Protein backbone atom coordinates (compact mmCIF):
# COMPACT_ATOMS: atom_id res chain seq x y z
CA UNK A 1 -16.42 3.59 -16.03
CA UNK A 2 -20.08 2.59 -16.00
CA UNK A 3 -22.49 3.19 -13.13
CA UNK A 4 -22.35 -0.41 -11.88
CA UNK A 5 -18.57 -0.35 -11.64
CA UNK A 6 -18.47 3.03 -9.89
CA UNK A 7 -20.74 1.66 -7.16
CA UNK A 8 -17.85 -0.54 -6.03
CA UNK A 9 -15.21 2.17 -6.01
CA UNK A 10 -14.42 3.87 -2.73
CA UNK A 11 -12.29 6.74 -3.94
CA UNK A 12 -9.67 7.98 -1.48
CA UNK A 13 -10.85 11.26 0.00
CA UNK A 14 -8.15 12.14 2.52
CA UNK A 15 -4.50 12.98 2.03
CA UNK A 16 -3.01 12.09 5.38
CA UNK A 17 0.54 13.53 5.50
CA UNK A 18 2.25 10.41 6.93
CA UNK A 19 0.49 8.14 4.45
CA UNK A 20 1.63 10.39 1.61
CA UNK A 21 5.18 10.37 3.02
CA UNK A 22 5.24 6.57 3.17
CA UNK A 23 3.88 6.26 -0.36
CA UNK A 24 6.48 8.76 -1.59
CA UNK A 25 9.21 6.66 0.00
CA UNK A 26 7.86 3.49 -1.63
CA UNK A 27 7.43 5.20 -5.00
CA UNK A 28 11.05 6.38 -4.85
CA UNK A 29 12.49 2.86 -4.46
CA UNK A 30 14.46 1.52 -7.40
CA UNK A 31 12.30 -1.59 -7.64
CA UNK A 32 13.70 -2.72 -11.01
CA UNK A 33 17.13 -3.29 -9.45
CA UNK A 34 15.70 -5.43 -6.64
CA UNK A 35 13.02 -7.59 -8.27
CA UNK A 36 14.56 -10.79 -6.88
CA UNK A 37 13.65 -9.63 -3.38
CA UNK A 38 9.99 -9.14 -4.43
CA UNK A 39 10.43 -5.42 -3.79
CA UNK A 40 7.90 -4.39 -6.49
CA UNK A 41 5.18 -6.63 -4.98
CA UNK A 42 5.98 -5.46 -1.44
CA UNK A 43 5.92 -1.75 -2.37
CA UNK A 44 2.72 -2.13 -4.41
CA UNK A 45 0.95 -4.04 -1.63
CA UNK A 46 1.82 -1.52 1.11
CA UNK A 47 0.99 1.44 -1.17
CA UNK A 48 -2.36 -0.10 -2.09
CA UNK A 49 -3.30 -0.76 1.53
CA UNK A 50 -2.36 2.83 2.43
CA UNK A 51 -4.33 4.20 -0.52
CA UNK A 52 -7.40 2.26 0.66
CA UNK A 53 -6.86 3.66 4.18
CA UNK A 54 -7.45 7.17 2.81
CA UNK A 55 -11.11 6.33 2.23
CA UNK A 56 -13.73 8.27 4.15
CA UNK A 57 -15.50 4.96 4.84
CA UNK A 58 -12.41 3.28 6.28
CA UNK A 59 -11.54 5.81 8.95
CA UNK A 60 -8.64 5.27 11.34
CA UNK A 61 -7.44 1.67 11.43
CA UNK A 62 -4.69 1.04 13.99
CA UNK A 63 -4.77 -2.69 13.13
CA UNK A 64 -3.91 -1.92 9.50
CA UNK A 65 -0.86 0.14 10.49
CA UNK A 66 0.28 -2.55 12.92
CA UNK A 67 -0.19 -5.22 10.22
CA UNK A 68 1.90 -3.15 7.78
CA UNK A 69 4.61 -2.66 10.44
CA UNK A 70 4.80 -6.41 11.07
CA UNK A 71 4.82 -7.15 7.33
CA UNK A 72 7.57 -4.59 6.71
CA UNK A 73 9.72 -5.90 9.56
CA UNK A 74 9.27 -9.49 8.37
CA UNK A 75 10.05 -8.44 4.79
CA UNK A 76 13.31 -6.83 5.94
CA UNK A 77 14.26 -9.94 7.95
CA UNK A 78 13.71 -12.18 4.95
CA UNK A 79 15.18 -9.99 2.21
CA UNK A 80 17.71 -7.60 3.75
CA UNK A 81 20.58 -9.52 2.15
CA UNK A 82 19.11 -8.88 -1.29
CA UNK A 83 18.32 -5.18 -0.78
CA UNK A 84 20.47 -2.09 -1.17
CA UNK A 85 21.24 0.03 1.88
CA UNK A 86 19.04 2.74 0.36
CA UNK A 87 16.05 0.38 0.16
CA UNK A 88 16.62 -0.91 3.69
CA UNK A 89 16.79 2.68 4.98
CA UNK A 90 13.63 3.65 3.09
CA UNK A 91 11.68 0.67 4.45
CA UNK A 92 12.92 1.42 7.99
CA UNK A 93 11.77 5.03 7.56
CA UNK A 94 8.37 3.73 6.41
CA UNK A 95 8.18 1.56 9.53
CA UNK A 96 8.95 4.60 11.71
CA UNK A 97 6.12 6.55 10.05
CA UNK A 98 3.72 3.59 10.35
CA UNK A 99 4.52 3.41 14.07
CA UNK A 100 3.76 7.13 14.34
CA UNK A 101 0.39 6.53 12.65
CA UNK A 102 -0.42 3.57 14.89
CA UNK A 103 0.11 5.62 18.07
CA UNK A 104 -2.97 7.81 17.72
CA UNK A 105 -5.83 8.79 15.43
CA UNK A 106 -4.69 12.43 15.75
CA UNK A 107 -1.44 11.50 14.00
CA UNK A 108 -3.35 11.04 10.73
CA UNK A 109 -3.32 14.78 10.21
CA UNK A 110 0.02 15.42 11.92
CA UNK A 111 3.48 15.77 10.46
CA UNK A 112 6.22 14.12 12.51
CA UNK A 113 9.08 16.27 13.71
CA UNK A 114 11.79 16.56 11.06
CA UNK A 115 9.56 15.96 8.04
CA UNK A 116 9.11 19.54 6.88
CA UNK A 117 11.78 19.10 4.17
CA UNK A 118 10.57 15.61 3.29
CA UNK A 119 9.95 16.17 -0.43
CA UNK A 120 13.54 17.31 -0.98
CA UNK A 121 14.94 14.07 0.48
CA UNK A 122 13.31 11.69 -1.98
CA UNK A 123 13.53 11.66 -5.73
CA UNK A 124 11.47 9.31 -7.83
CA UNK A 125 13.38 6.70 -9.86
CA UNK A 126 10.23 5.43 -11.50
CA UNK A 127 6.52 5.85 -11.10
CA UNK A 128 5.87 2.18 -11.92
CA UNK A 129 4.45 1.33 -8.48
CA UNK A 130 2.31 4.49 -8.35
CA UNK A 131 0.88 3.69 -11.79
CA UNK A 132 0.04 0.11 -10.77
CA UNK A 133 -1.70 1.32 -7.59
CA UNK A 134 -3.58 4.02 -9.52
CA UNK A 135 -4.67 1.41 -12.10
CA UNK A 136 -6.23 -0.70 -9.33
CA UNK A 137 -8.32 2.30 -8.31
CA UNK A 138 -9.31 3.19 -11.88
CA UNK A 139 -10.33 -0.42 -12.67
CA UNK A 140 -10.93 -2.20 -9.38
CA UNK A 141 -13.25 -4.96 -10.56
CA UNK A 142 -11.86 -8.50 -10.86
CA UNK A 143 -13.57 -11.80 -11.59
CA UNK A 144 -12.83 -14.98 -9.70
CA UNK A 145 -11.63 -17.64 -12.16
CA UNK A 146 -13.49 -20.39 -10.26
CA UNK A 147 -16.91 -19.07 -9.27
CA UNK A 148 -17.01 -16.10 -11.69
CA UNK A 149 -17.91 -13.73 -8.83
CA UNK A 150 -17.08 -10.14 -9.76
CA UNK A 151 -15.85 -7.96 -6.90
CA UNK A 152 -13.73 -4.92 -6.18
CA UNK A 153 -10.13 -5.81 -5.32
CA UNK A 154 -9.83 -2.56 -3.34
CA UNK A 155 -12.86 -3.07 -1.12
CA UNK A 156 -11.65 -2.85 2.46
CA UNK A 157 -13.38 -6.17 3.26
CA UNK A 158 -11.42 -8.08 0.61
CA UNK A 159 -8.38 -10.03 1.79
CA UNK A 160 -5.23 -9.07 -0.12
CA UNK A 161 -1.70 -10.46 0.02
CA UNK A 162 1.51 -9.46 -1.75
CA UNK A 163 0.56 -11.44 -4.85
CA UNK A 164 -3.15 -12.25 -4.68
CA UNK A 165 -6.68 -11.37 -3.63
CA UNK A 166 -9.19 -13.75 -2.04
CA UNK A 167 -12.64 -14.10 -3.55
CA UNK A 168 -15.17 -13.15 -0.86
CA UNK A 169 -17.61 -15.75 -2.19
CA UNK A 170 -15.64 -18.99 -2.73
CA UNK A 171 -12.51 -17.98 -0.74
CA UNK A 172 -10.12 -18.87 -3.59
CA UNK A 173 -6.95 -16.77 -3.67
CA UNK A 174 -5.78 -15.79 -7.13
CA UNK A 175 -3.24 -13.46 -8.67
CA UNK A 176 -4.43 -10.23 -10.26
């Protein structure tokens, strides 16, 4: 990574327990079995947003947690018929943890009751989602195909969706 590229990288500096729990849940989903429900894109998007929330510059963002709750609930409404009971349960557990985070800034460093044995409850099927999120943080720079503006896709001021980012200069959304 050269010096110009590193200037755009806001490396996560905090390991908030609930955020780590949610990411662990998402990383444990068997996304290959449920691609038709866009589960890989959903899990990657939520994991990326949570990874960005760990930044020292971002701080506590109740709106982000509420946005992820609404997105997760809407995702379940649209795709529950295509998901396994295990995936539905995992997403519901993620929603519960996001609600815990949205209640108070002090919950960033807290562990909810009943989560002391958390790591034993989830086993990782694949690290595909984690690798894709990590790759975004190792190489965050993207170039808009229209205006050729180069920007960091993980900047907290960049608009992201499940399948695209929006160029901050020309406002074009494109897939990365």
